[in-house]
Amino acid sequence: YRLCDEVPTEVQALASSVTNWNEATLIKNNNHIGTPCWQFTSKGNHIQLTTTSLSYNNQGLFGTLPTEFGLLTSATKLDFGQNSFEGPIPTELGHLTKLADGGSANGFLSSNKLSSTIPTELGLASNMASNFNLASNSIMAAMPTELGNLVALTSGFVLHSNLISSTVPTELGGLFSVTTSFQLYANSMCADLPTQMGALSSSVVSGWQVTTDNSIGTACPTPSPTFLPTTAPTTPAPTMTPQPT
C-alpha cells in the first residue's frame, strides 16, 4: 500500500521540530502524495480523470464504489464485473453520459456484492449500446422506469439473479433495439408482463429470459400494514372535595 491525498497540516507542522526533515524523502518518496486516494483501486491501479476506458474485470478488487467515479465523465467503457465491490451503486455514475460499452459479457457491474436499489440516474446512460449488466448481485426493490431510456442498447440488458421485487416497467418495451440477451430471470418480479414487452420479445433473437424463476403472472404481494402502538386513555384521578364541618 502507498500513501495518497495531501499531507495533513498537523504532519507538516512537524517539520520545525524534526531534525533533517525532508518531506520529499520521508513522505513523498514511493507514495502518491497529492493525488486523491479514490483514484487508486484496492490493487493500486491509478485511474486518470481523463481516462476513456475503465476495464478492471476479474481483478480481485473490493470495497465500495467511490462516488467520485462520477467525475470520470470522459469514460466510454466501464467494466468492473466479477470483483467483490459491495454496498450501493453510486448515483453519481449517472454523470457518465458518454458510456457506450459495459465491457465483456460478464462485465459492467455484474457478479459483485452490490446491494440496495438501482439508481434512477443510470437511465441517463442513453448512449450505452452493449452490456448493461447488473446480474448476480444483491440488488433489491423495484426496477426504475428510467431504464427505459437506454434506447441505444442493442445487446445485453441483464439484471438476472438479484432480489428485484416489482412489476416489469412498461417503459422497458421501448428498448426495441435490443436483439440479444434480455435477461431478468431469478428475481422476485410479479404481475403480468406489459403488452409492450410482448412486442419486444419477438425482436430479441436470442437470450430472452424473463419469466423463469420469477412470479410473473402472479399478483404482487400487498405490503403488510404498519400498526402504530396506541396509548390507552388515562382517566384523571378523582379530586376529593372537603366536607363542611
Protein backbone atom coordinates (compact mmCIF):
# COMPACT_ATOMS: atom_id res chain seq x y z
CA TYR A 1 0.00 0.00 0.00
CA ARG A 2 1.11 3.58 -0.68
CA LEU A 3 0.07 6.88 0.86
CA CYS A 4 -2.12 9.25 -1.10
CA ASP A 5 -4.03 12.55 -0.73
CA GLU A 6 -2.42 15.65 0.75
CA VAL A 7 -0.10 15.68 3.76
CA PRO A 8 -2.15 16.84 6.78
CA THR A 9 -1.18 20.22 8.16
CA GLU A 10 -0.54 18.59 11.54
CA VAL A 11 2.18 16.44 9.94
CA GLN A 12 3.63 19.39 8.05
CA ALA A 13 3.96 21.18 11.38
CA LEU A 14 6.47 18.55 12.47
CA ALA A 15 8.99 19.99 10.03
CA SER A 16 10.10 22.58 12.56
CA SER A 17 10.81 20.01 15.26
CA VAL A 18 12.24 17.07 13.30
CA THR A 19 15.95 17.23 12.54
CA ASN A 20 16.84 16.74 8.86
CA TRP A 21 13.20 16.93 7.81
CA ASN A 22 12.90 16.26 4.11
CA GLU A 23 9.29 15.79 3.06
CA ALA A 24 10.22 14.55 -0.39
CA THR A 25 12.32 11.75 1.09
CA LEU A 26 10.43 10.92 4.27
CA ILE A 27 6.87 11.04 2.98
CA LYS A 28 6.51 11.57 -0.76
CA ASN A 29 9.09 9.05 -1.92
CA ASN A 30 7.37 5.93 -3.38
CA ASN A 31 3.94 7.27 -2.43
CA HIS A 32 1.16 9.12 -4.25
CA ILE A 33 1.05 12.25 -2.11
CA GLY A 34 -1.03 14.95 -3.80
CA THR A 35 -3.26 12.51 -5.70
CA PRO A 36 -6.74 11.73 -4.31
CA CYS A 37 -6.94 8.23 -2.86
CA TRP A 38 -10.15 7.41 -4.75
CA GLN A 39 -8.14 7.41 -8.00
CA PHE A 40 -6.44 4.18 -6.93
CA THR A 41 -8.16 0.81 -6.86
CA SER A 42 -7.66 -1.60 -4.00
CA LYS A 43 -4.90 -3.15 -6.13
CA GLY A 44 -3.12 0.17 -6.66
CA ASN A 45 -4.24 0.83 -10.24
CA HIS A 46 -4.17 4.57 -10.95
CA ILE A 47 -7.34 5.84 -12.62
CA GLN A 48 -6.75 9.07 -14.54
CA LEU A 49 -9.54 11.67 -14.64
CA THR A 50 -9.31 11.79 -18.44
CA THR A 51 -9.49 8.04 -18.98
CA THR A 52 -11.96 6.76 -21.54
CA SER A 53 -11.78 3.07 -20.69
CA LEU A 54 -12.26 1.57 -17.22
CA SER A 55 -11.53 -2.13 -17.78
CA TYR A 56 -10.94 -3.94 -14.48
CA ASN A 57 -12.89 -7.17 -14.92
CA ASN A 58 -11.97 -10.00 -12.55
CA GLN A 59 -9.11 -8.13 -10.86
CA GLY A 60 -9.89 -9.08 -7.26
CA LEU A 61 -11.00 -5.54 -6.43
CA PHE A 62 -13.07 -4.91 -3.28
CA GLY A 63 -14.57 -2.17 -1.14
CA THR A 64 -17.27 0.29 -2.17
CA LEU A 65 -17.51 2.09 -5.50
CA PRO A 66 -16.34 5.68 -4.87
CA THR A 67 -18.89 8.40 -5.55
CA GLU A 68 -16.02 10.28 -7.20
CA PHE A 69 -16.29 7.91 -10.17
CA GLY A 70 -18.92 10.38 -11.31
CA LEU A 71 -16.03 12.72 -12.18
CA LEU A 72 -14.81 10.38 -14.92
CA THR A 73 -17.07 11.99 -17.47
CA SER A 74 -14.83 11.09 -20.43
CA ALA A 75 -15.34 7.37 -19.90
CA THR A 76 -16.97 5.47 -22.75
CA LYS A 77 -16.33 2.00 -21.33
CA LEU A 78 -16.83 0.74 -17.78
CA ASP A 79 -16.22 -2.86 -16.75
CA PHE A 80 -15.87 -3.70 -13.06
CA GLY A 81 -17.55 -7.09 -13.39
CA GLN A 82 -16.52 -10.20 -11.42
CA ASN A 83 -14.95 -8.40 -8.47
CA SER A 84 -16.03 -8.02 -4.84
CA PHE A 85 -17.41 -4.49 -4.69
CA GLU A 86 -20.14 -4.09 -2.09
CA GLY A 87 -22.63 -1.51 -0.90
CA PRO A 88 -24.87 0.70 -3.06
CA ILE A 89 -24.30 1.72 -6.67
CA PRO A 90 -23.34 5.42 -6.57
CA THR A 91 -25.96 7.71 -8.09
CA GLU A 92 -23.04 9.77 -9.42
CA LEU A 93 -22.46 7.15 -12.14
CA GLY A 94 -25.33 8.88 -13.90
CA HIS A 95 -22.85 11.63 -14.81
CA LEU A 96 -21.05 9.22 -17.17
CA THR A 97 -23.34 10.06 -20.05
CA LYS A 98 -20.74 9.08 -22.68
CA LEU A 99 -20.77 5.42 -21.63
CA ALA A 100 -21.32 3.19 -24.64
CA ASP A 101 -19.83 -0.16 -23.64
CA GLY A 102 -20.19 -2.26 -20.49
CA GLY A 103 -17.25 -4.45 -21.45
CA SER A 104 -17.33 -8.24 -21.57
CA ALA A 105 -20.41 -10.42 -21.31
CA ASN A 106 -19.78 -10.69 -17.56
CA GLY A 107 -18.84 -7.06 -17.29
CA PHE A 108 -20.17 -3.64 -16.29
CA LEU A 109 -21.11 -4.12 -12.60
CA SER A 110 -22.15 -7.78 -12.67
CA SER A 111 -21.00 -10.53 -10.31
CA ASN A 112 -20.10 -8.34 -7.36
CA LYS A 113 -21.73 -7.92 -3.93
CA LEU A 114 -23.62 -4.74 -4.68
CA SER A 115 -26.82 -4.11 -2.74
CA SER A 116 -29.58 -1.54 -2.25
CA THR A 117 -31.52 -0.30 -5.29
CA ILE A 118 -30.74 0.54 -8.92
CA PRO A 119 -30.22 4.32 -9.09
CA THR A 120 -32.67 6.07 -11.40
CA GLU A 121 -29.67 8.08 -12.65
CA LEU A 122 -28.39 5.05 -14.60
CA GLY A 123 -31.16 5.80 -17.04
CA LEU A 124 -29.08 8.79 -18.18
CA ALA A 125 -26.64 6.41 -19.93
CA SER A 126 -28.68 6.75 -23.09
CA ASN A 127 -25.62 6.20 -25.32
CA MET A 128 -24.89 2.76 -23.92
CA ALA A 129 -25.01 0.25 -26.75
CA SER A 130 -23.92 -3.02 -25.13
CA ASN A 131 -23.79 -4.93 -21.87
CA PHE A 132 -25.83 -3.04 -19.33
CA ASN A 133 -25.18 -5.83 -16.85
CA LEU A 134 -26.05 -5.75 -13.13
CA ALA A 135 -26.58 -9.51 -12.79
CA SER A 136 -25.54 -11.65 -9.82
CA ASN A 137 -25.57 -9.04 -7.09
CA SER A 138 -27.98 -8.41 -4.20
CA ILE A 139 -29.90 -5.53 -5.76
CA MET A 140 -33.42 -5.21 -4.37
CA ALA A 141 -36.69 -3.28 -4.53
CA ALA A 142 -38.30 -2.01 -7.73
CA MET A 143 -36.69 -1.58 -11.13
CA PRO A 144 -36.68 2.13 -12.06
CA THR A 145 -38.77 3.10 -15.06
CA GLU A 146 -35.88 5.35 -16.19
CA LEU A 147 -34.07 2.28 -17.53
CA GLY A 148 -36.44 2.54 -20.46
CA ASN A 149 -34.29 5.47 -21.63
CA LEU A 150 -31.42 3.14 -22.65
CA VAL A 151 -32.67 3.26 -26.23
CA ALA A 152 -29.22 2.85 -27.84
CA LEU A 153 -28.81 -0.59 -26.30
CA THR A 154 -28.55 -3.37 -28.89
CA SER A 155 -27.32 -6.27 -26.74
CA GLY A 156 -27.19 -7.17 -23.09
CA PHE A 157 -29.93 -5.84 -20.81
CA VAL A 158 -29.02 -8.22 -17.99
CA LEU A 159 -30.38 -7.99 -14.44
CA HIS A 160 -30.86 -11.65 -13.54
CA SER A 161 -30.02 -13.26 -10.19
CA ASN A 162 -30.85 -10.36 -7.90
CA LEU A 163 -33.61 -9.56 -5.41
CA ILE A 164 -35.66 -7.20 -7.57
CA SER A 165 -39.28 -7.29 -6.44
CA SER A 166 -41.69 -5.33 -8.61
CA THR A 167 -43.63 -5.40 -11.83
CA VAL A 168 -41.75 -5.20 -15.11
CA PRO A 169 -41.87 -1.49 -16.07
CA THR A 170 -43.89 -0.72 -19.18
CA GLU A 171 -41.09 1.60 -20.29
CA LEU A 172 -38.78 -1.35 -20.97
CA GLY A 173 -40.91 -2.10 -24.01
CA GLY A 174 -39.20 0.86 -25.67
CA LEU A 175 -35.85 -0.96 -25.78
CA PHE A 176 -36.73 -2.29 -29.23
CA SER A 177 -33.10 -2.13 -30.46
CA VAL A 178 -32.07 -4.97 -28.15
CA THR A 179 -31.69 -8.15 -30.21
CA THR A 180 -29.69 -10.39 -27.87
CA SER A 181 -29.61 -11.14 -24.12
CA PHE A 182 -32.62 -9.63 -22.40
CA GLN A 183 -32.44 -11.39 -19.04
CA LEU A 184 -34.47 -10.70 -15.90
CA TYR A 185 -34.76 -14.26 -14.58
CA ALA A 186 -34.15 -15.32 -10.97
CA ASN A 187 -35.63 -12.30 -9.22
CA SER A 188 -38.95 -11.75 -7.44
CA MET A 189 -40.76 -9.92 -10.22
CA CYS A 190 -44.55 -10.23 -10.26
CA ALA A 191 -47.80 -9.32 -12.03
CA ASP A 192 -48.44 -9.68 -15.76
CA LEU A 193 -45.94 -8.61 -18.38
CA PRO A 194 -46.89 -5.34 -20.07
CA THR A 195 -48.16 -5.81 -23.62
CA GLN A 196 -45.23 -3.73 -24.84
CA MET A 197 -42.91 -6.50 -23.66
CA GLY A 198 -44.63 -8.97 -25.92
CA ALA A 199 -43.62 -6.97 -28.97
CA LEU A 200 -40.07 -6.67 -27.63
CA SER A 201 -39.74 -10.43 -27.15
CA SER A 202 -40.27 -11.03 -30.86
CA SER A 203 -37.30 -8.82 -31.74
CA VAL A 204 -34.85 -10.45 -29.31
CA VAL A 205 -33.49 -13.31 -31.38
CA SER A 206 -31.51 -14.99 -28.58
CA GLY A 207 -31.24 -14.81 -24.83
CA TRP A 208 -34.82 -13.81 -23.96
CA GLN A 209 -35.18 -14.95 -20.34
CA VAL A 210 -37.72 -13.02 -18.33
CA THR A 211 -40.28 -15.21 -16.61
CA THR A 212 -38.06 -18.06 -15.35
CA ASP A 213 -37.68 -18.10 -11.56
CA ASN A 214 -39.88 -15.04 -11.16
CA SER A 215 -43.54 -14.74 -10.19
CA ILE A 216 -44.72 -13.28 -13.48
CA GLY A 217 -48.48 -13.76 -13.82
CA THR A 218 -48.97 -13.75 -10.06
CA ALA A 219 -50.30 -10.74 -8.21
CA CYS A 220 -47.67 -8.78 -6.38
CA PRO A 221 -47.93 -9.18 -2.61
CA THR A 222 -49.64 -6.38 -0.75
CA PRO A 223 -47.35 -4.78 1.80
CA SER A 224 -48.38 -5.58 5.33
CA PRO A 225 -49.94 -2.58 7.10
CA THR A 226 -47.89 -1.00 9.78
CA PHE A 227 -49.74 -0.50 13.04
CA LEU A 228 -48.58 2.17 15.40
CA PRO A 229 -48.98 1.40 19.08
CA THR A 230 -51.85 3.27 20.67
CA THR A 231 -51.73 4.68 24.12
CA ALA A 232 -54.58 3.75 26.38
CA PRO A 233 -56.55 6.79 27.51
CA THR A 234 -55.82 7.89 31.01
CA THR A 235 -58.58 8.72 33.46
CA PRO A 236 -57.80 11.68 35.62
CA ALA A 237 -57.60 10.88 39.32
CA PRO A 238 -60.75 11.89 41.21
CA THR A 239 -60.44 15.03 43.27
CA MET A 240 -61.62 15.00 46.84
CA THR A 241 -63.87 17.86 47.87
CA PRO A 242 -63.55 18.58 51.59
CA GLN A 243 -66.82 18.16 53.53
CA PRO A 244 -68.06 21.18 55.52
CA THR A 245 -67.63 20.80 59.27
